Amino acid sequence: MSIRVLYFGELREHIGTHQDELPWLGQAHQPFTVQDLITTLSARAGNYAQVLKSDSPLKVAVNQDMANLTTPIPDHAEVALFRPVTGG
């Protein structure tokens, strides 16, 4: 039981890795949400808290579908974290 977290762009640069494998922390009576994941990651050592709590918006996709903070994360999910990208 685990989830894979993928980091893109500046998140990857500042955290220093492109992915993490974490145990799935959900329970049958209470889903594990995107907000729970961000809280869990922010408690880790290194730059996680600083990078994830930035004022810049954070985008999240769960199994390649855009998600919000209340989206449940199922076991064996792939969660992508990234900042919005602008181009010209």
PDB file of N, CA and C in Angstrom:
ATOM      1  N   MET A   1       0.841  -1.171   0.000  1.00  0.00           N
ATOM      2  CA  MET A   1       0.000   0.000   0.000  1.00  0.00           C
ATOM      3  C   MET A   1       0.885   1.232   0.000  1.00  0.00           C
ATOM      4  N   SER A   2       0.857   1.948  -1.128  1.00  0.00           N
ATOM      5  CA  SER A   2       1.714   3.122  -1.242  1.00  0.00           C
ATOM      6  C   SER A   2       1.170   4.064  -2.302  1.00  0.00           C
ATOM      7  N   ILE A   3       1.739   5.260  -2.326  1.00  0.00           N
ATOM      8  CA  ILE A   3       1.451   6.231  -3.384  1.00  0.00           C
ATOM      9  C   ILE A   3       2.773   6.770  -3.901  1.00  0.00           C
ATOM     10  N   ARG A   4       2.777   7.149  -5.163  1.00  0.00           N
ATOM     11  CA  ARG A   4       3.961   7.745  -5.771  1.00  0.00           C
ATOM     12  C   ARG A   4       3.675   9.234  -5.952  1.00  0.00           C
ATOM     13  N   VAL A   5       4.582  10.062  -5.464  1.00  0.00           N
ATOM     14  CA  VAL A   5       4.460  11.512  -5.597  1.00  0.00           C
ATOM     15  C   VAL A   5       5.517  11.976  -6.590  1.00  0.00           C
ATOM     16  N   LEU A   6       5.072  12.666  -7.632  1.00  0.00           N
ATOM     17  CA  LEU A   6       5.973  13.196  -8.660  1.00  0.00           C
ATOM     18  C   LEU A   6       6.072  14.706  -8.500  1.00  0.00           C
ATOM     19  N   TYR A   7       7.283  15.251  -8.614  1.00  0.00           N
ATOM     20  CA  TYR A   7       7.522  16.685  -8.498  1.00  0.00           C
ATOM     21  C   TYR A   7       7.993  17.209  -9.846  1.00  0.00           C
ATOM     22  N   PHE A   8       7.446  18.346 -10.249  1.00  0.00           N
ATOM     23  CA  PHE A   8       7.811  18.942 -11.528  1.00  0.00           C
ATOM     24  C   PHE A   8       8.279  20.381 -11.330  1.00  0.00           C
ATOM     25  N   GLY A   9       9.096  20.849 -12.284  1.00  0.00           N
ATOM     26  CA  GLY A   9       9.545  22.243 -12.306  1.00  0.00           C
ATOM     27  C   GLY A   9      10.338  22.625 -11.076  1.00  0.00           C
ATOM     28  N   GLU A  10       9.995  23.800 -10.530  1.00  0.00           N
ATOM     29  CA  GLU A  10      10.745  24.323  -9.391  1.00  0.00           C
ATOM     30  C   GLU A  10      10.631  23.438  -8.162  1.00  0.00           C
ATOM     31  N   LEU A  11       9.540  22.697  -8.023  1.00  0.00           N
ATOM     32  CA  LEU A  11       9.424  21.791  -6.885  1.00  0.00           C
ATOM     33  C   LEU A  11      10.524  20.734  -6.940  1.00  0.00           C
ATOM     34  N   ARG A  12      10.738  20.180  -8.104  1.00  0.00           N
ATOM     35  CA  ARG A  12      11.787  19.169  -8.270  1.00  0.00           C
ATOM     36  C   ARG A  12      13.153  19.781  -7.963  1.00  0.00           C
ATOM     37  N   GLU A  13      13.390  20.978  -8.451  1.00  0.00           N
ATOM     38  CA  GLU A  13      14.682  21.632  -8.224  1.00  0.00           C
ATOM     39  C   GLU A  13      14.938  21.902  -6.749  1.00  0.00           C
ATOM     40  N   HIS A  14      13.945  22.435  -6.046  1.00  0.00           N
ATOM     41  CA  HIS A  14      14.140  22.825  -4.650  1.00  0.00           C
ATOM     42  C   HIS A  14      14.105  21.644  -3.681  1.00  0.00           C
ATOM     43  N   ILE A  15      13.298  20.640  -3.979  1.00  0.00           N
ATOM     44  CA  ILE A  15      13.240  19.469  -3.103  1.00  0.00           C
ATOM     45  C   ILE A  15      14.432  18.558  -3.355  1.00  0.00           C
ATOM     46  N   GLY A  16      14.893  18.506  -4.601  1.00  0.00           N
ATOM     47  CA  GLY A  16      16.086  17.732  -4.923  1.00  0.00           C
ATOM     48  C   GLY A  16      15.817  16.312  -5.383  1.00  0.00           C
ATOM     49  N   THR A  17      14.581  16.017  -5.712  1.00  0.00           N
ATOM     50  CA  THR A  17      14.245  14.692  -6.251  1.00  0.00           C
ATOM     51  C   THR A  17      13.052  14.841  -7.180  1.00  0.00           C
ATOM     52  N   HIS A  18      12.877  13.888  -8.081  1.00  0.00           N
ATOM     53  CA  HIS A  18      11.746  13.967  -9.001  1.00  0.00           C
ATOM     54  C   HIS A  18      10.558  13.150  -8.519  1.00  0.00           C
ATOM     55  N   GLN A  19      10.763  12.286  -7.503  1.00  0.00           N
ATOM     56  CA  GLN A  19       9.633  11.521  -6.989  1.00  0.00           C
ATOM     57  C   GLN A  19       9.927  10.959  -5.603  1.00  0.00           C
ATOM     58  N   ASP A  20       8.860  10.652  -4.890  1.00  0.00           N
ATOM     59  CA  ASP A  20       8.924   9.966  -3.605  1.00  0.00           C
ATOM     60  C   ASP A  20       7.903   8.846  -3.623  1.00  0.00           C
ATOM     61  N   GLU A  21       8.196   7.786  -2.926  1.00  0.00           N
ATOM     62  CA  GLU A  21       7.254   6.695  -2.721  1.00  0.00           C
ATOM     63  C   GLU A  21       6.889   6.737  -1.235  1.00  0.00           C
ATOM     64  N   LEU A  22       5.606   6.910  -0.944  1.00  0.00           N
ATOM     65  CA  LEU A  22       5.158   7.027   0.440  1.00  0.00           C
ATOM     66  C   LEU A  22       4.146   5.950   0.771  1.00  0.00           C
ATOM     67  N   PRO A  23       4.097   5.543   2.032  1.00  0.00           N
ATOM     68  CA  PRO A  23       3.028   4.615   2.404  1.00  0.00           C
ATOM     69  C   PRO A  23       1.680   5.323   2.293  1.00  0.00           C
ATOM     70  N   TRP A  24       0.686   4.596   1.870  1.00  0.00           N
ATOM     71  CA  TRP A  24      -0.665   5.159   1.794  1.00  0.00           C
ATOM     72  C   TRP A  24      -1.208   5.238   3.210  1.00  0.00           C
ATOM     73  N   LEU A  25      -1.655   6.412   3.616  1.00  0.00           N
ATOM     74  CA  LEU A  25      -2.065   6.630   5.000  1.00  0.00           C
ATOM     75  C   LEU A  25      -3.576   6.711   5.167  1.00  0.00           C
ATOM     76  N   GLY A  26      -4.313   6.270   4.164  1.00  0.00           N
ATOM     77  CA  GLY A  26      -5.766   6.312   4.250  1.00  0.00           C
ATOM     78  C   GLY A  26      -6.317   5.242   5.167  1.00  0.00           C
ATOM     79  N   GLN A  27      -7.566   5.446   5.538  1.00  0.00           N
ATOM     80  CA  GLN A  27      -8.285   4.489   6.371  1.00  0.00           C
ATOM     81  C   GLN A  27      -9.670   4.302   5.768  1.00  0.00           C
ATOM     82  N   ALA A  28     -10.288   3.201   6.068  1.00  0.00           N
ATOM     83  CA  ALA A  28     -11.593   2.894   5.484  1.00  0.00           C
ATOM     84  C   ALA A  28     -12.636   3.951   5.824  1.00  0.00           C
ATOM     85  N   HIS A  29     -12.604   4.490   7.023  1.00  0.00           N
ATOM     86  CA  HIS A  29     -13.628   5.445   7.452  1.00  0.00           C
ATOM     87  C   HIS A  29     -13.234   6.908   7.229  1.00  0.00           C
ATOM     88  N   GLN A  30     -12.009   7.153   6.820  1.00  0.00           N
ATOM     89  CA  GLN A  30     -11.568   8.531   6.593  1.00  0.00           C
ATOM     90  C   GLN A  30     -10.570   8.549   5.438  1.00  0.00           C
ATOM     91  N   PRO A  31     -10.938   9.166   4.321  1.00  0.00           N
ATOM     92  CA  PRO A  31     -10.029   9.155   3.169  1.00  0.00           C
ATOM     93  C   PRO A  31      -8.777   9.992   3.424  1.00  0.00           C
ATOM     94  N   PHE A  32      -7.714   9.619   2.743  1.00  0.00           N
ATOM     95  CA  PHE A  32      -6.462  10.367   2.734  1.00  0.00           C
ATOM     96  C   PHE A  32      -6.563  11.354   1.579  1.00  0.00           C
ATOM     97  N   THR A  33      -6.531  12.651   1.866  1.00  0.00           N
ATOM     98  CA  THR A  33      -6.767  13.675   0.853  1.00  0.00           C
ATOM     99  C   THR A  33      -5.470  14.347   0.399  1.00  0.00           C
ATOM    100  N   VAL A  34      -5.578  15.161  -0.628  1.00  0.00           N
ATOM    101  CA  VAL A  34      -4.449  15.955  -1.111  1.00  0.00           C
ATOM    102  C   VAL A  34      -3.915  16.829   0.020  1.00  0.00           C
ATOM    103  N   GLN A  35      -4.795  17.451   0.811  1.00  0.00           N
ATOM    104  CA  GLN A  35      -4.346  18.277   1.936  1.00  0.00           C
ATOM    105  C   GLN A  35      -3.562  17.436   2.936  1.00  0.00           C
ATOM    106  N   ASP A  36      -4.008  16.221   3.200  1.00  0.00           N
ATOM    107  CA  ASP A  36      -3.274  15.327   4.107  1.00  0.00           C
ATOM    108  C   ASP A  36      -1.876  15.024   3.563  1.00  0.00           C
ATOM    109  N   LEU A  37      -1.788  14.808   2.261  1.00  0.00           N
ATOM    110  CA  LEU A  37      -0.490  14.545   1.637  1.00  0.00           C
ATOM    111  C   LEU A  37       0.438  15.744   1.789  1.00  0.00           C
ATOM    112  N   ILE A  38      -0.062  16.930   1.511  1.00  0.00           N
ATOM    113  CA  ILE A  38       0.766  18.142   1.613  1.00  0.00           C
ATOM    114  C   ILE A  38       1.229  18.337   3.056  1.00  0.00           C
ATOM    115  N   THR A  39       0.346  18.099   4.014  1.00  0.00           N
ATOM    116  CA  THR A  39       0.723  18.208   5.429  1.00  0.00           C
ATOM    117  C   THR A  39       1.806  17.190   5.781  1.00  0.00           C
ATOM    118  N   THR A  40       1.652  15.961   5.309  1.00  0.00           N
ATOM    119  CA  THR A  40       2.628  14.904   5.558  1.00  0.00           C
ATOM    120  C   THR A  40       3.985  15.263   4.949  1.00  0.00           C
ATOM    121  N   LEU A  41       3.973  15.719   3.700  1.00  0.00           N
ATOM    122  CA  LEU A  41       5.229  16.081   3.037  1.00  0.00           C
ATOM    123  C   LEU A  41       5.883  17.286   3.704  1.00  0.00           C
ATOM    124  N   SER A  42       5.084  18.255   4.147  1.00  0.00           N
ATOM    125  CA  SER A  42       5.625  19.467   4.771  1.00  0.00           C
ATOM    126  C   SER A  42       6.336  19.170   6.083  1.00  0.00           C
ATOM    127  N   ALA A  43       6.006  18.049   6.705  1.00  0.00           N
ATOM    128  CA  ALA A  43       6.641  17.671   7.971  1.00  0.00           C
ATOM    129  C   ALA A  43       7.993  16.983   7.760  1.00  0.00           C
ATOM    130  N   ARG A  44       8.336  16.704   6.514  1.00  0.00           N
ATOM    131  CA  ARG A  44       9.611  16.031   6.233  1.00  0.00           C
ATOM    132  C   ARG A  44      10.776  17.008   6.364  1.00  0.00           C
ATOM    133  N   ALA A  45      11.954  16.448   6.544  1.00  0.00           N
ATOM    134  CA  ALA A  45      13.175  17.258   6.623  1.00  0.00           C
ATOM    135  C   ALA A  45      13.493  17.850   5.256  1.00  0.00           C
ATOM    136  N   GLY A  46      14.418  18.774   5.244  1.00  0.00           N
ATOM    137  CA  GLY A  46      14.837  19.386   3.985  1.00  0.00           C
ATOM    138  C   GLY A  46      13.947  20.562   3.619  1.00  0.00           C
ATOM    139  N   ASN A  47      13.818  20.795   2.312  1.00  0.00           N
ATOM    140  CA  ASN A  47      13.104  21.967   1.813  1.00  0.00           C
ATOM    141  C   ASN A  47      11.609  21.752   1.606  1.00  0.00           C
ATOM    142  N   TYR A  48      11.073  20.609   1.979  1.00  0.00           N
ATOM    143  CA  TYR A  48       9.676  20.305   1.689  1.00  0.00           C
ATOM    144  C   TYR A  48       8.719  21.391   2.202  1.00  0.00           C
ATOM    145  N   ALA A  49       8.795  21.727   3.482  1.00  0.00           N
ATOM    146  CA  ALA A  49       7.854  22.694   4.061  1.00  0.00           C
ATOM    147  C   ALA A  49       7.946  24.040   3.372  1.00  0.00           C
ATOM    148  N   GLN A  50       9.145  24.525   3.182  1.00  0.00           N
ATOM    149  CA  GLN A  50       9.345  25.838   2.555  1.00  0.00           C
ATOM    150  C   GLN A  50       8.781  25.864   1.141  1.00  0.00           C
ATOM    151  N   VAL A  51       9.048  24.845   0.374  1.00  0.00           N
ATOM    152  CA  VAL A  51       8.622  24.798  -1.022  1.00  0.00           C
ATOM    153  C   VAL A  51       7.109  24.617  -1.129  1.00  0.00           C
ATOM    154  N   LEU A  52       6.535  23.742  -0.340  1.00  0.00           N
ATOM    155  CA  LEU A  52       5.112  23.446  -0.452  1.00  0.00           C
ATOM    156  C   LEU A  52       4.220  24.523   0.143  1.00  0.00           C
ATOM    157  N   LYS A  53       4.735  25.305   1.088  1.00  0.00           N
ATOM    158  CA  LYS A  53       3.933  26.358   1.713  1.00  0.00           C
ATOM    159  C   LYS A  53       4.179  27.728   1.095  1.00  0.00           C
ATOM    160  N   SER A  54       4.784  27.768  -0.053  1.00  0.00           N
ATOM    161  CA  SER A  54       5.035  29.013  -0.767  1.00  0.00           C
ATOM    162  C   SER A  54       3.714  29.697  -1.099  1.00  0.00           C
ATOM    163  N   ASP A  55       3.760  31.011  -1.287  1.00  0.00           N
ATOM    164  CA  ASP A  55       2.558  31.763  -1.676  1.00  0.00           C
ATOM    165  C   ASP A  55       2.134  31.478  -3.107  1.00  0.00           C
ATOM    166  N   SER A  56       3.033  30.951  -3.898  1.00  0.00           N
ATOM    167  CA  SER A  56       2.721  30.609  -5.286  1.00  0.00           C
ATOM    168  C   SER A  56       1.768  29.423  -5.306  1.00  0.00           C
ATOM    169  N   PRO A  57       0.730  29.452  -6.140  1.00  0.00           N
ATOM    170  CA  PRO A  57      -0.252  28.362  -6.154  1.00  0.00           C
ATOM    171  C   PRO A  57       0.382  27.010  -6.492  1.00  0.00           C
ATOM    172  N   LEU A  58      -0.156  25.985  -5.902  1.00  0.00           N
ATOM    173  CA  LEU A  58       0.295  24.625  -6.136  1.00  0.00           C
ATOM    174  C   LEU A  58      -0.800  23.888  -6.895  1.00  0.00           C
ATOM    175  N   LYS A  59      -0.442  23.242  -7.965  1.00  0.00           N
ATOM    176  CA  LYS A  59      -1.379  22.436  -8.747  1.00  0.00           C
ATOM    177  C   LYS A  59      -1.120  20.976  -8.422  1.00  0.00           C
ATOM    178  N   VAL A  60      -2.182  20.186  -8.443  1.00  0.00           N
ATOM    179  CA  VAL A  60      -2.084  18.768  -8.096  1.00  0.00           C
ATOM    180  C   VAL A  60      -2.916  17.956  -9.079  1.00  0.00           C
ATOM    181  N   ALA A  61      -2.373  16.824  -9.482  1.00  0.00           N
ATOM    182  CA  ALA A  61      -3.124  15.857 -10.280  1.00  0.00           C
ATOM    183  C   ALA A  61      -3.025  14.504  -9.580  1.00  0.00           C
ATOM    184  N   VAL A  62      -4.159  13.838  -9.444  1.00  0.00           N
ATOM    185  CA  VAL A  62      -4.210  12.493  -8.870  1.00  0.00           C
ATOM    186  C   VAL A  62      -4.576  11.538 -10.000  1.00  0.00           C
ATOM    187  N   ASN A  63      -3.681  10.619 -10.274  1.00  0.00           N
ATOM    188  CA  ASN A  63      -3.864   9.687 -11.391  1.00  0.00           C
ATOM    189  C   ASN A  63      -4.193  10.426 -12.692  1.00  0.00           C
ATOM    190  N   GLN A  64      -3.467  11.505 -12.919  1.00  0.00           N
ATOM    191  CA  GLN A  64      -3.509  12.322 -14.128  1.00  0.00           C
ATOM    192  C   GLN A  64      -4.802  13.113 -14.300  1.00  0.00           C
ATOM    193  N   ASP A  65      -5.590  13.254 -13.237  1.00  0.00           N
ATOM    194  CA  ASP A  65      -6.773  14.115 -13.242  1.00  0.00           C
ATOM    195  C   ASP A  65      -6.511  15.265 -12.280  1.00  0.00           C
ATOM    196  N   MET A  66      -6.801  16.490 -12.715  1.00  0.00           N
ATOM    197  CA  MET A  66      -6.597  17.647 -11.842  1.00  0.00           C
ATOM    198  C   MET A  66      -7.407  17.468 -10.558  1.00  0.00           C
ATOM    199  N   ALA A  67      -6.813  17.895  -9.450  1.00  0.00           N
ATOM    200  CA  ALA A  67      -7.413  17.667  -8.137  1.00  0.00           C
ATOM    201  C   ALA A  67      -7.387  18.946  -7.315  1.00  0.00           C
ATOM    202  N   ASN A  68      -8.129  18.931  -6.203  1.00  0.00           N
ATOM    203  CA  ASN A  68      -8.075  20.039  -5.249  1.00  0.00           C
ATOM    204  C   ASN A  68      -7.720  19.476  -3.877  1.00  0.00           C
ATOM    205  N   LEU A  69      -7.684  20.316  -2.876  1.00  0.00           N
ATOM    206  CA  LEU A  69      -7.216  19.894  -1.555  1.00  0.00           C
ATOM    207  C   LEU A  69      -8.077  18.816  -0.912  1.00  0.00           C
ATOM    208  N   THR A  70      -9.347  18.739  -1.294  1.00  0.00           N
ATOM    209  CA  THR A  70     -10.246  17.751  -0.675  1.00  0.00           C
ATOM    210  C   THR A  70     -10.343  16.450  -1.471  1.00  0.00           C
ATOM    211  N   THR A  71      -9.637  16.355  -2.589  1.00  0.00           N
ATOM    212  CA  THR A  71      -9.675  15.143  -3.405  1.00  0.00           C
ATOM    213  C   THR A  71      -9.059  13.974  -2.644  1.00  0.00           C
ATOM    214  N   PRO A  72      -9.784  12.859  -2.530  1.00  0.00           N
ATOM    215  CA  PRO A  72      -9.198  11.680  -1.885  1.00  0.00           C
ATOM    216  C   PRO A  72      -8.119  11.048  -2.759  1.00  0.00           C
ATOM    217  N   ILE A  73      -7.108  10.498  -2.118  1.00  0.00           N
ATOM    218  CA  ILE A  73      -6.026   9.819  -2.824  1.00  0.00           C
ATOM    219  C   ILE A  73      -6.165   8.323  -2.547  1.00  0.00           C
ATOM    220  N   PRO A  74      -6.459   7.536  -3.577  1.00  0.00           N
ATOM    221  CA  PRO A  74      -6.592   6.093  -3.357  1.00  0.00           C
ATOM    222  C   PRO A  74      -5.220   5.416  -3.223  1.00  0.00           C
ATOM    223  N   ASP A  75      -5.253   4.214  -2.665  1.00  0.00           N
ATOM    224  CA  ASP A  75      -4.047   3.415  -2.579  1.00  0.00           C
ATOM    225  C   ASP A  75      -3.491   3.187  -3.983  1.00  0.00           C
ATOM    226  N   HIS A  76      -2.190   3.159  -4.116  1.00  0.00           N
ATOM    227  CA  HIS A  76      -1.461   2.947  -5.372  1.00  0.00           C
ATOM    228  C   HIS A  76      -1.651   4.097  -6.366  1.00  0.00           C
ATOM    229  N   ALA A  77      -1.980   5.281  -5.868  1.00  0.00           N
ATOM    230  CA  ALA A  77      -2.179   6.439  -6.745  1.00  0.00           C
ATOM    231  C   ALA A  77      -0.844   7.068  -7.129  1.00  0.00           C
ATOM    232  N   GLU A  78      -0.895   7.797  -8.229  1.00  0.00           N
ATOM    233  CA  GLU A  78       0.217   8.643  -8.650  1.00  0.00           C
ATOM    234  C   GLU A  78      -0.256  10.080  -8.478  1.00  0.00           C
ATOM    235  N   VAL A  79       0.486  10.857  -7.701  1.00  0.00           N
ATOM    236  CA  VAL A  79       0.131  12.247  -7.422  1.00  0.00           C
ATOM    237  C   VAL A  79       1.226  13.143  -7.961  1.00  0.00           C
ATOM    238  N   ALA A  80       0.859  14.067  -8.832  1.00  0.00           N
ATOM    239  CA  ALA A  80       1.816  15.010  -9.422  1.00  0.00           C
ATOM    240  C   ALA A  80       1.624  16.377  -8.756  1.00  0.00           C
ATOM    241  N   LEU A  81       2.722  16.999  -8.349  1.00  0.00           N
ATOM    242  CA  LEU A  81       2.703  18.336  -7.762  1.00  0.00           C
ATOM    243  C   LEU A  81       3.525  19.263  -8.657  1.00  0.00           C
ATOM    244  N   PHE A  82       2.939  20.430  -8.963  1.00  0.00           N
ATOM    245  CA  PHE A  82       3.637  21.375  -9.829  1.00  0.00           C
ATOM    246  C   PHE A  82       3.041  22.762  -9.656  1.00  0.00           C
ATOM    247  N   ARG A  83       3.761  23.758 -10.124  1.00  0.00           N
ATOM    248  CA  ARG A  83       3.282  25.138 -10.129  1.00  0.00           C
ATOM    249  C   ARG A  83       2.712  25.440 -11.507  1.00  0.00           C
ATOM    250  N   PRO A  84       1.737  26.360 -11.582  1.00  0.00           N
ATOM    251  CA  PRO A  84       1.223  26.749 -12.899  1.00  0.00           C
ATOM    252  C   PRO A  84       2.347  27.290 -13.768  1.00  0.00           C
ATOM    253  N   VAL A  85       2.266  27.017 -15.035  1.00  0.00           N
ATOM    254  CA  VAL A  85       3.298  27.444 -15.989  1.00  0.00           C
ATOM    255  C   VAL A  85       2.698  28.475 -16.918  1.00  0.00           C
ATOM    256  N   THR A  86       3.438  29.546 -17.150  1.00  0.00           N
ATOM    257  CA  THR A  86       3.013  30.533 -18.140  1.00  0.00           C
ATOM    258  C   THR A  86       4.019  30.527 -19.274  1.00  0.00           C
ATOM    259  N   GLY A  87       3.560  30.884 -20.408  1.00  0.00           N
ATOM    260  CA  GLY A  87       4.452  30.888 -21.567  1.00  0.00           C
ATOM    261  C   GLY A  87       4.145  32.060 -22.478  1.00  0.00           C
ATOM    262  N   GLY A  88       4.956  32.214 -23.452  1.00  0.00           N
ATOM    263  CA  GLY A  88       4.748  33.337 -24.342  1.00  0.00           C
ATOM    264  C   GLY A  88       4.780  32.961 -25.771  1.00  0.00           C
TER     265      GLY A  88
END
